[in-house]
Protein backbone atom coordinates (compact mmCIF):
# COMPACT_ATOMS: atom_id res chain seq x y z
CA MET A 1 25.50 9.52 4.49
CA LYS A 2 23.10 6.72 3.48
CA LEU A 3 19.52 7.91 3.71
CA LYS A 4 18.37 4.64 5.34
CA TYR A 5 20.42 5.74 8.38
CA LEU A 6 18.79 9.08 8.58
CA PHE A 7 15.55 7.79 10.13
CA SER A 8 17.52 6.10 12.84
CA ILE A 9 19.17 9.44 13.71
CA ILE A 10 15.77 11.31 13.75
CA THR A 11 14.31 8.53 16.03
CA VAL A 12 17.10 8.80 18.54
CA PHE A 13 16.77 12.53 18.45
CA PHE A 14 12.95 12.30 18.87
CA SER A 15 13.35 9.94 21.75
CA ALA A 16 15.89 12.22 23.57
CA THR A 17 13.98 15.32 22.86
CA THR A 18 10.75 13.75 24.21
CA LEU A 19 12.43 13.33 27.60
CA LEU A 20 12.92 17.11 27.72
CA TYR A 21 9.53 18.00 26.37
CA THR A 22 7.24 15.16 27.75
CA SER A 23 4.36 17.46 28.58
CA GLU A 24 4.24 18.80 25.08
CA VAL A 25 4.10 15.49 23.29
CA ASP A 26 0.73 14.87 21.59
CA ILE A 27 -0.01 11.15 21.52
CA LYS A 28 -2.91 9.40 19.60
CA THR A 29 -3.81 5.73 19.46
CA PHE A 30 -5.84 4.07 16.74
CA GLY A 31 -6.62 0.54 15.61
CA THR A 32 -8.97 -1.90 14.04
CA ILE A 33 -10.51 -5.09 15.45
CA GLY A 34 -11.53 -7.02 12.45
CA THR A 35 -12.67 -10.42 11.29
CA VAL A 36 -12.96 -11.92 7.80
CA TYR A 37 -14.80 -14.91 6.43
CA ASN A 38 -13.92 -16.36 2.99
CA SER A 39 -16.26 -19.12 2.02
CA ASN A 40 -13.82 -20.67 -0.57
CA SER A 41 -11.49 -23.06 1.37
CA ASN A 42 -9.35 -23.35 -1.82
CA TYR A 43 -8.09 -19.83 -1.49
CA ILE A 44 -6.47 -17.80 1.31
CA TYR A 45 -7.93 -14.32 1.51
CA ARG A 46 -5.29 -11.84 2.56
CA LYS A 47 -5.05 -7.99 2.91
CA ASP A 48 -1.77 -7.85 0.93
CA ILE A 49 1.22 -9.99 -0.05
CA PHE A 50 2.90 -9.30 3.30
CA GLN A 51 0.41 -11.63 4.90
CA LYS A 52 0.75 -15.43 4.62
CA ASP A 53 -2.18 -16.57 6.65
CA GLY A 54 -5.76 -15.36 6.22
CA SER A 55 -9.29 -16.73 5.81
CA SER A 56 -9.75 -19.97 4.06
CA GLY A 57 -13.23 -21.29 4.75
CA ASP A 58 -13.05 -20.04 8.29
CA LEU A 59 -12.86 -16.80 10.36
CA SER A 60 -9.64 -14.86 10.52
CA PHE A 61 -9.01 -12.10 13.04
CA LYS A 62 -5.37 -11.53 11.73
CA THR A 63 -6.20 -9.95 8.42
CA ASP A 64 -7.29 -6.45 9.42
CA THR A 65 -6.69 -6.34 13.17
CA LEU A 66 -3.87 -3.74 14.22
CA LEU A 67 -2.99 -1.24 16.84
CA GLY A 68 -1.30 1.86 16.07
CA LEU A 69 0.36 4.88 17.78
CA GLN A 70 0.97 8.50 16.47
CA ALA A 71 3.18 10.91 18.35
CA SER A 72 3.93 14.54 17.57
CA LEU A 73 6.28 16.90 19.34
CA THR A 74 6.33 20.66 18.58
CA LEU A 75 9.76 22.09 18.87
CA ASN A 76 8.92 25.75 17.91
CA GLU A 77 6.57 27.58 15.53
CA ASN A 78 8.27 26.02 12.55
CA PHE A 79 9.75 22.61 13.48
CA SER A 80 7.98 19.52 14.75
CA LEU A 81 8.77 15.71 14.96
CA LEU A 82 6.13 13.19 14.03
CA ALA A 83 6.07 9.39 14.12
CA GLN A 84 3.57 6.53 13.57
CA GLY A 85 4.01 2.86 14.50
CA ILE A 86 1.71 -0.19 14.17
CA VAL A 87 1.39 -3.64 15.63
CA ASN A 88 0.01 -6.36 13.52
CA ASN A 89 0.49 -9.91 12.12
CA ASN A 90 3.33 -10.38 9.68
CA TYR A 91 4.36 -12.94 6.99
CA HIS A 92 5.90 -15.24 9.53
CA ASP A 93 2.50 -15.26 11.45
CA GLU A 94 4.05 -13.31 14.29
CA VAL A 95 2.98 -10.27 15.96
CA GLU A 96 5.33 -7.49 14.73
CA THR A 97 5.88 -3.85 15.61
CA SER A 98 6.99 -1.55 12.74
CA ILE A 99 7.35 2.08 12.02
CA ASP A 100 4.98 3.43 9.34
CA TRP A 101 6.60 6.87 9.17
CA GLY A 102 8.63 9.22 11.24
CA TYR A 103 10.19 12.57 10.27
CA LEU A 104 11.33 16.00 11.20
CA LYS A 105 8.85 18.54 9.63
CA TYR A 106 9.55 22.16 8.76
CA ASP A 107 6.45 24.34 8.15
CA SER A 108 7.03 27.82 6.82
CA GLY A 109 3.49 28.86 7.98
CA GLU A 110 2.66 29.97 4.45
CA ASN A 111 3.10 27.73 1.45
CA ILE A 112 6.14 25.31 1.92
CA VAL A 113 6.43 22.19 4.05
CA ILE A 114 9.52 20.10 4.20
CA LYS A 115 9.78 16.60 5.74
CA ILE A 116 13.01 14.64 6.33
CA GLY A 117 13.06 11.05 7.66
CA ARG A 118 10.72 8.14 6.96
CA ILE A 119 7.93 9.18 4.84
CA ARG A 120 4.72 7.84 3.10
CA THR A 121 5.08 7.35 -0.63
CA PRO A 122 2.45 9.45 -2.30
CA TYR A 123 0.83 6.78 -4.61
CA TYR A 124 -2.77 6.95 -3.55
CA LYS A 125 -5.35 9.22 -2.25
CA ASN A 126 -5.27 7.40 1.13
CA SER A 127 -1.51 6.68 1.35
CA GLU A 128 -1.21 8.66 4.45
CA ASN A 129 -4.02 6.93 6.29
CA LEU A 130 -3.56 3.39 5.00
CA ASN A 131 -3.64 1.88 8.51
CA VAL A 132 -6.00 4.31 10.22
CA GLY A 133 -9.26 2.43 9.52
CA TYR A 134 -11.45 5.22 11.13
CA SER A 135 -10.28 7.66 8.41
CA ASN A 136 -11.27 5.41 5.53
CA LEU A 137 -14.66 4.42 4.18
CA MET A 138 -13.86 0.83 3.20
CA ILE A 139 -12.27 -1.75 5.58
CA ARG A 140 -9.63 -2.26 2.96
CA GLU A 141 -8.67 -0.29 -0.05
CA SER A 142 -9.07 -1.97 -3.50
CA VAL A 143 -6.18 -4.16 -3.91
CA GLU A 144 -6.56 -3.98 -7.59
CA VAL A 145 -4.94 -0.47 -7.26
CA TYR A 146 -3.51 -0.20 -3.73
CA GLY A 147 -1.84 -3.70 -4.07
CA GLN A 148 0.34 -2.91 -7.18
CA VAL A 149 3.42 -1.60 -5.26
CA PRO A 150 4.71 -3.65 -2.35
CA PHE A 151 6.15 -0.69 -0.34
CA SER A 152 4.39 2.31 1.17
CA SER A 153 7.21 4.27 2.84
CA TYR A 154 10.75 5.37 2.12
CA ASN A 155 13.74 7.19 3.76
CA GLY A 156 14.41 10.53 2.38
CA ILE A 157 12.96 13.99 1.93
CA GLU A 158 9.53 15.55 0.72
CA VAL A 159 8.96 19.07 -0.24
CA ILE A 160 5.35 20.26 -0.33
CA TYR A 161 4.15 23.62 -1.94
CA SER A 162 0.55 24.61 -1.48
CA ASN A 163 -1.47 27.68 -2.69
CA ILE A 164 -4.86 28.92 -3.62
CA ILE A 165 -6.02 30.55 -6.87
CA ASP A 166 -9.53 32.09 -6.40
CA LYS A 167 -11.63 29.23 -4.88
CA TYR A 168 -9.37 26.51 -6.25
CA PHE A 169 -6.43 25.03 -4.41
CA TYR A 170 -3.37 23.04 -5.54
CA THR A 171 -0.69 21.09 -3.73
CA LEU A 172 2.49 20.05 -5.44
CA GLN A 173 4.65 17.35 -3.79
CA ALA A 174 8.28 16.42 -4.70
CA ASN A 175 9.80 13.29 -3.10
CA TYR A 176 13.33 11.75 -3.26
CA GLY A 177 14.87 8.81 -1.22
CA GLU A 178 15.55 5.20 -1.09
CA GLU A 179 14.16 2.03 0.75
CA GLY A 180 15.00 -1.61 1.70
CA LEU A 181 12.62 -4.27 2.67
CA ASN A 182 11.92 -7.96 2.45
CA VAL A 183 9.08 -8.93 0.10
CA PRO A 184 7.41 -12.39 0.22
CA LEU A 185 7.63 -14.68 -2.87
CA HIS A 186 4.72 -16.91 -2.15
CA SER A 187 5.36 -19.14 -5.23
CA ILE A 188 8.63 -20.38 -3.84
CA ASN A 189 7.95 -19.76 -0.13
CA GLN A 190 10.69 -17.27 0.45
CA GLU A 191 11.37 -13.57 0.84
CA ALA A 192 13.26 -11.51 -1.53
CA LYS A 193 15.53 -8.71 -0.30
CA VAL A 194 14.47 -5.60 -2.27
CA GLU A 195 16.74 -2.45 -2.57
CA ILE A 196 15.02 0.69 -3.91
CA ASP A 197 17.40 3.43 -5.06
CA ASN A 198 17.10 6.79 -6.73
CA LEU A 199 13.49 7.03 -5.82
CA TYR A 200 11.82 10.18 -6.91
CA ALA A 201 8.12 11.14 -7.26
CA ILE A 202 5.97 14.07 -8.05
CA ASN A 203 2.33 14.59 -7.02
CA LEU A 204 -0.18 17.20 -7.92
CA THR A 205 -3.59 17.53 -6.21
CA PHE A 206 -5.96 20.33 -7.25
CA GLY A 207 -9.58 21.35 -6.94
CA THR A 208 -12.05 22.48 -4.40
CA THR A 209 -13.40 21.24 -1.11
CA ALA A 210 -15.99 19.32 -3.04
CA LEU A 211 -14.12 18.10 -6.14
CA GLN A 212 -10.43 17.14 -6.45
CA ALA A 213 -8.27 15.64 -9.05
CA ARG A 214 -4.83 13.90 -8.35
CA PHE A 215 -1.92 13.01 -10.51
CA THR A 216 1.15 10.95 -9.26
CA TYR A 217 4.31 9.70 -11.05
CA LEU A 218 7.07 7.63 -9.37
CA ASN A 219 10.31 6.37 -10.78
CA ALA A 220 12.97 4.12 -9.02
CA ASP A 221 15.80 1.81 -9.61
CA ILE A 222 14.99 -1.61 -7.91
CA THR A 223 16.85 -4.87 -7.18
CA ALA A 224 15.42 -8.05 -5.76
CA SER A 225 17.58 -11.01 -4.70
CA SER A 226 17.12 -14.26 -2.83
CA ALA A 227 18.82 -17.70 -2.74
CA SER A 228 16.38 -19.13 -5.23
CA LEU A 229 16.52 -16.24 -7.62
CA GLU A 230 20.25 -16.15 -7.45
CA GLN A 231 20.32 -19.95 -8.21
CA LEU A 232 17.76 -19.61 -10.99
CA PHE A 233 19.45 -16.84 -12.93
CA GLY A 234 22.90 -18.13 -12.19
CA GLY A 235 21.90 -21.41 -13.81
CA LEU A 236 20.54 -19.55 -16.83
CA ARG A 237 23.72 -17.72 -17.23
CA THR A 238 25.73 -21.07 -17.02
CA SER A 239 23.45 -22.46 -19.70
CA GLY A 240 24.10 -19.65 -21.95
CA LEU A 241 20.59 -18.23 -21.60
CA ASN A 242 21.63 -14.62 -21.32
CA THR A 243 18.65 -13.20 -23.19
CA LEU A 244 16.23 -14.62 -20.56
CA VAL A 245 18.60 -13.39 -17.70
CA ASP A 246 18.66 -9.74 -19.28
CA ARG A 247 14.85 -9.67 -19.58
CA TYR A 248 13.74 -11.22 -16.37
CA GLU A 249 16.36 -10.79 -13.76
CA PHE A 250 15.48 -8.14 -11.17
CA LYS A 251 18.76 -6.25 -10.82
CA ASP A 252 18.88 -2.48 -11.00
CA LYS A 253 15.74 -2.41 -13.04
CA ASN A 254 14.07 0.97 -13.63
CA SER A 255 10.38 1.05 -12.49
CA GLU A 256 7.56 3.48 -12.92
CA TYR A 257 4.25 3.98 -11.20
CA LEU A 258 1.63 6.34 -12.77
CA GLY A 259 -1.62 7.14 -10.81
CA ILE A 260 -4.64 9.32 -11.61
CA GLY A 261 -7.63 9.97 -9.23
CA LEU A 262 -10.88 11.88 -9.05
CA PHE A 263 -12.82 12.49 -5.83
CA LEU A 264 -16.17 14.03 -5.09
CA ASP A 265 -17.78 15.03 -1.76
CA TYR A 266 -20.89 16.99 -2.49
CA ASN A 267 -24.42 17.06 -0.85
CA ASN A 268 -23.86 13.77 0.89
CA ILE A 269 -22.65 12.08 -2.40
CA LEU A 270 -19.24 10.39 -2.08
CA PHE A 271 -17.48 9.37 -5.23
CA SER A 272 -13.86 8.29 -5.76
CA THR A 273 -12.00 6.60 -8.50
CA GLU A 274 -8.33 5.86 -9.00
CA TYR A 275 -6.28 4.35 -11.75
CA GLY A 276 -2.81 2.92 -11.37
CA ARG A 277 -0.22 1.46 -13.68
CA ARG A 278 3.02 -0.25 -12.71
CA LYS A 279 5.82 -0.98 -15.08
CA ILE A 280 8.98 -2.92 -14.33
CA SER A 281 11.11 -4.72 -16.82
CA SER A 282 11.67 -7.96 -14.84
CA PHE A 283 9.78 -11.06 -13.72
CA PHE A 284 7.70 -8.74 -11.56
CA ALA A 285 5.26 -8.26 -14.39
CA ASP A 286 3.59 -4.95 -15.50
CA ILE A 287 0.04 -4.37 -14.30
CA HIS A 288 -2.75 -1.76 -14.42
CA GLY A 289 -5.95 -1.53 -12.53
CA TYR A 290 -8.61 0.80 -11.24
CA TYR A 291 -11.57 1.11 -8.88
CA THR A 292 -14.66 3.22 -8.59
CA THR A 293 -16.61 3.79 -5.44
CA LEU A 294 -19.97 5.43 -4.93
CA GLY A 295 -21.49 6.20 -1.40
CA TYR A 296 -24.16 8.47 0.20
CA SER A 297 -23.94 9.82 3.73
CA PHE A 298 -27.06 9.58 5.85
CA ASP A 299 -25.72 11.36 8.79
CA LYS A 300 -24.06 8.46 10.68
CA PHE A 301 -24.58 5.74 8.06
CA ILE A 302 -22.71 5.65 4.70
CA PRO A 303 -23.61 2.80 2.34
CA PHE A 304 -21.28 2.32 -0.52
CA VAL A 305 -20.54 0.21 -3.54
CA THR A 306 -17.28 -0.45 -5.40
CA TYR A 307 -16.12 -2.07 -8.55
CA ALA A 308 -12.55 -2.78 -9.18
CA LYS A 309 -10.35 -4.57 -11.94
CA SER A 310 -6.80 -5.16 -12.49
CA GLU A 311 -5.13 -6.68 -15.64
CA MET A 312 -1.71 -7.74 -16.71
CA ASP A 313 -0.12 -5.85 -19.53
CA THR A 314 1.01 -9.10 -20.81
CA THR A 315 -0.63 -12.37 -19.45
CA THR A 316 1.79 -14.28 -17.23
CA TYR A 317 -0.16 -17.45 -16.44
CA ASP A 318 0.53 -18.92 -19.91
CA ALA A 319 4.40 -18.26 -19.64
CA ASN A 320 6.39 -20.69 -21.73
CA THR A 321 10.10 -19.75 -21.68
CA GLY A 322 11.31 -23.44 -21.90
CA VAL A 323 12.68 -23.18 -18.35
CA ALA A 324 10.13 -24.74 -15.96
CA SER A 325 11.32 -22.90 -12.89
CA LEU A 326 11.28 -19.61 -14.57
CA ASP A 327 7.78 -20.30 -15.90
CA THR A 328 6.60 -21.04 -12.37
CA LEU A 329 7.97 -17.70 -11.20
CA LEU A 330 6.41 -15.80 -14.00
CA ARG A 331 3.06 -17.54 -13.73
CA ALA A 332 2.85 -16.55 -9.98
CA GLN A 333 2.96 -12.80 -11.02
CA ASN A 334 -0.61 -12.98 -12.34
CA LEU A 335 -2.74 -10.53 -10.35
CA ALA A 336 -5.64 -10.10 -12.90
CA GLN A 337 -9.03 -10.11 -11.18
CA SER A 338 -12.15 -8.10 -10.78
CA SER A 339 -14.20 -7.54 -7.64
CA LYS A 340 -17.68 -6.22 -6.50
CA THR A 341 -18.02 -4.75 -3.04
CA VAL A 342 -21.00 -3.49 -1.10
CA GLY A 343 -20.63 -2.13 2.43
CA LEU A 344 -21.77 0.10 5.25
CA LYS A 345 -19.88 2.43 7.59
CA TYR A 346 -21.54 3.52 10.77
CA PHE A 347 -20.12 6.28 12.92
CA ILE A 348 -20.87 5.31 16.53
CA ASN A 349 -19.22 8.48 17.88
CA GLU A 350 -16.06 10.65 17.37
CA ASN A 351 -13.90 7.75 18.50
CA PHE A 352 -15.45 4.69 17.09
CA ASP A 353 -16.98 3.35 13.86
CA LEU A 354 -18.30 -0.01 12.78
CA LYS A 355 -18.07 -1.40 9.28
CA VAL A 356 -19.42 -4.46 7.32
CA GLN A 357 -18.76 -5.32 3.71
CA TYR A 358 -19.21 -8.11 1.18
CA GLU A 359 -16.84 -8.84 -1.71
CA ASN A 360 -17.33 -10.99 -4.67
CA ILE A 361 -13.88 -11.60 -6.30
CA VAL A 362 -13.38 -13.20 -9.64
CA PRO A 363 -9.77 -14.26 -10.53
CA LYS A 364 -8.73 -14.20 -14.18
CA GLY A 365 -6.31 -16.97 -14.99
CA PRO A 366 -4.61 -19.43 -12.74
CA ASP A 367 -1.75 -18.85 -10.28
CA GLY A 368 -1.16 -15.39 -8.92
CA SER A 369 -0.57 -14.01 -5.45
CA TYR A 370 -3.18 -11.52 -4.35
CA HIS A 371 -5.04 -14.42 -2.77
CA LEU A 372 -3.10 -17.83 -2.29
CA ARG A 373 -4.81 -20.74 -3.85
CA SER A 374 -4.39 -24.45 -3.69
CA THR A 375 -6.04 -25.31 -6.93
CA LYS A 376 -5.55 -24.51 -10.65
CA GLU A 377 -9.37 -24.42 -11.17
CA LEU A 378 -10.62 -20.79 -11.09
CA GLN A 379 -13.28 -20.18 -8.49
CA GLU A 380 -14.94 -17.07 -7.11
CA LEU A 381 -14.29 -15.94 -3.64
CA ASN A 382 -17.17 -14.49 -1.48
CA VAL A 383 -15.84 -12.55 1.49
CA LEU A 384 -17.73 -11.13 4.42
CA SER A 385 -15.74 -8.66 6.64
CA PHE A 386 -16.59 -6.83 9.94
CA ALA A 387 -14.39 -4.16 11.57
CA LEU A 388 -14.57 -1.90 14.63
CA ASP A 389 -12.27 1.13 14.15
CA PHE A 390 -11.16 3.37 17.09
CA ILE A 391 -9.10 6.48 17.45
CA PHE A 392 -8.28 8.48 20.68
């Protein structure tokens, strides 16, 4: 049975079982009411590539605003069902409801946890809480790392083993599955159908309550297709340019992601840093990046500063293959930039927090798709954001 159908089965089972155990369902709501102002009208500031609209010399309430729901149902002492859905603005500038994750969970009560269904990919420290703003320090995680891979969930299985050695703990996660999604190609104003097969990942987290280290490796076979891509590479084949097709066509290409992180929470000092590297042999170019955040907790106030940077393994904005349409596609893959962020998180109470942050973003090279632009001339972005997070 295809794994992508498994989540549908679990969802139906979840719904049917909920009717029988309504009183035992634990439901939590969460969300963010956010506004973003980007002073540079030559750029559109977006949260990620799945947004088309954003702030461009005006206020945008679409960038960060979302509403979410978590539901969990305990079946017995070992088995439970969990799901999370969100409502936000999508690539077509429409309000969309989607499922973040939903799975059947087995907990041995000792060292082993098994999940089957739709599961978060374990790329980053905050992968599990990407859309739960109240759980995170920043309004948005640094796109230089968190924006490298365009999918955050998959359909499959996850096995987790945890243990303690003296005062140290370690958690080992193993993941396997597949995913299918539509990814915007902003350079040609289309969406590509992306199929991800044979996805497997391993994640190791170890340390103490104060200091933790994290290592992640993910590998998958990926195919991306659209009408324009098929026309482009079909034309190259007809013209005998098979070398370019073999190098850049995005069909059944092996991809890798490597992530490393270090996190400190000691005597009110908060420090986190993550490095990520994506490698894919296709037009979707290789990239690496990192961020470093330092904060200090004054009871309810947490001021913080962040520096982040992403670079292409090989520059794409000067691509010159001799085929204009292919060059346009390759140049649009440039995601090189650096950013400086200063912000403040204020805990109003156990249900609400208020955040404000200022970002200075410096692109490197023309084109690119982190932030849409209407000029070839490089310019800085100055972005001011406010957010009210809630959870009940």
